[in-house]
Protein backbone atom coordinates (compact mmCIF):
# COMPACT_ATOMS: atom_id res chain seq x y z
CA MET A 1 -79.72 -21.18 131.76
CA GLU A 2 -76.70 -23.43 132.35
CA ALA A 3 -74.56 -21.21 130.13
CA PHE A 4 -75.62 -18.09 132.02
CA THR A 5 -73.68 -16.74 134.98
CA LEU A 6 -74.24 -13.61 137.00
CA GLU A 7 -71.43 -11.77 138.72
CA VAL A 8 -72.14 -8.83 140.98
CA THR A 9 -69.38 -6.33 141.67
CA VAL A 10 -69.93 -4.00 144.59
CA ILE A 11 -68.24 -0.63 144.22
CA PRO A 12 -67.73 1.09 147.57
CA SER A 13 -69.34 4.51 147.86
CA SER A 14 -65.93 5.98 148.74
CA TYR A 15 -64.71 5.31 145.16
CA SER A 16 -64.92 7.91 142.41
CA LYS A 17 -68.40 8.45 141.00
CA LEU A 18 -67.09 7.24 137.60
CA SER A 19 -65.60 3.98 138.91
CA HIS A 20 -68.41 1.94 137.40
CA CYS A 21 -67.54 3.37 133.96
CA PHE A 22 -63.96 2.15 134.24
CA LEU A 23 -65.19 -1.30 135.25
CA GLU A 24 -67.63 -1.34 132.33
CA GLN A 25 -64.84 -0.29 129.95
CA TYR A 26 -62.69 -3.18 131.23
CA TYR A 27 -65.40 -5.72 130.45
CA LEU A 28 -66.23 -4.19 127.05
CA LEU A 29 -62.62 -4.68 125.97
CA ASP A 30 -62.34 -8.20 127.37
CA LYS A 31 -62.29 -10.60 124.40
CA ARG A 32 -64.37 -13.19 126.29
CA PHE A 33 -67.40 -10.93 125.94
CA ASN A 34 -68.32 -10.32 122.31
CA LEU A 35 -71.98 -9.28 122.31
CA ASN A 36 -71.31 -5.55 122.55
CA THR A 37 -70.27 -3.97 119.29
CA HIS A 38 -69.77 -0.55 120.87
CA LYS A 39 -66.44 -0.89 122.68
CA ILE A 40 -66.20 2.52 124.33
CA VAL A 41 -67.95 3.51 127.53
CA ASN A 42 -69.62 6.87 127.25
CA PHE A 43 -68.37 8.79 130.28
CA ARG A 44 -70.53 11.74 129.14
CA VAL A 45 -67.57 14.08 129.22
CA ASN A 46 -67.71 17.30 127.26
CA GLN A 47 -71.04 18.15 128.77
CA GLY A 48 -71.91 21.62 129.92
CA PHE A 49 -72.42 23.28 126.57
CA LYS A 50 -75.19 23.17 124.03
CA ILE A 51 -74.60 21.71 120.55
CA PHE A 52 -76.72 22.67 117.56
CA LEU A 53 -76.83 21.40 113.99
CA TYR A 54 -78.55 23.69 111.46
CA ASP A 55 -78.89 23.82 107.71
CA LYS A 56 -76.61 26.33 105.92
CA ASP A 57 -79.24 29.09 106.14
CA CYS A 58 -79.75 28.51 109.90
CA LYS A 59 -83.47 28.13 109.26
CA THR A 60 -83.87 24.47 110.18
CA LEU A 61 -82.55 23.01 113.43
CA TYR A 62 -81.80 19.33 112.86
CA TYR A 63 -80.20 18.48 116.20
CA SER A 64 -79.54 19.95 119.62
CA GLY A 65 -77.96 18.37 122.67
CA ASN A 66 -75.86 18.83 125.80
CA SER A 67 -73.05 16.35 125.19
CA LEU A 68 -70.42 16.13 122.48
CA ASN A 69 -70.18 12.37 122.96
CA ALA A 70 -73.93 11.92 122.60
CA PHE A 71 -73.95 14.19 119.55
CA CYS A 72 -71.22 12.21 117.80
CA GLU A 73 -72.79 8.89 118.75
CA ASP A 74 -76.33 9.89 117.74
CA LEU A 75 -75.22 11.18 114.34
CA GLY A 76 -72.45 8.65 113.77
CA ILE A 77 -69.74 11.22 113.18
CA HIS A 78 -66.17 11.26 114.47
CA HIS A 79 -65.05 13.89 116.98
CA SER A 80 -62.41 15.19 114.55
CA TYR A 81 -65.09 16.23 112.02
CA TYR A 82 -66.98 18.11 114.70
CA LYS A 83 -63.84 19.87 115.95
CA ASN A 84 -62.75 20.78 112.43
CA CYS A 85 -66.13 22.31 111.57
CA ILE A 86 -66.23 24.33 114.79
CA ALA A 87 -62.63 25.56 114.42
CA SER A 88 -62.84 26.39 110.71
CA GLY A 89 -66.46 27.47 110.46
CA ASN A 90 -66.87 25.13 107.48
CA ALA A 91 -70.16 23.37 106.94
CA TYR A 92 -70.28 19.68 107.85
CA LEU A 93 -70.81 17.63 104.66
CA ASN A 94 -71.04 21.01 102.93
CA PHE A 95 -74.64 21.31 104.16
CA PHE A 96 -74.83 21.55 107.99
CA LEU A 97 -73.56 24.25 110.33
CA LEU A 98 -72.40 23.23 113.80
CA PHE A 99 -72.47 25.53 116.80
CA LYS A 100 -71.61 25.10 120.44
CA ILE A 101 -72.55 27.51 123.20
CA LEU A 102 -70.96 27.39 126.64
């Protein structure tokens, strides 16, 4: 317990509703704190549309969600692969079809 410290930061209600995410991002990037391996705060942007991952025949739905960030994090894929598949219509890994609906 001697090595443990607790610091409380009060964010005034007049600040932006995402202020806590910026503060979290600051601490994730601070080299003094090395327990988190995920160094990017998920602001949950790119929400507002549905994302679907089907097989090539569109018979089996493997994934659906409401956030591009959550989709990429859950499946461990980079945003550029998602964007390329949507723009080109090509199958992801030559097996999965990606769709987004606004």
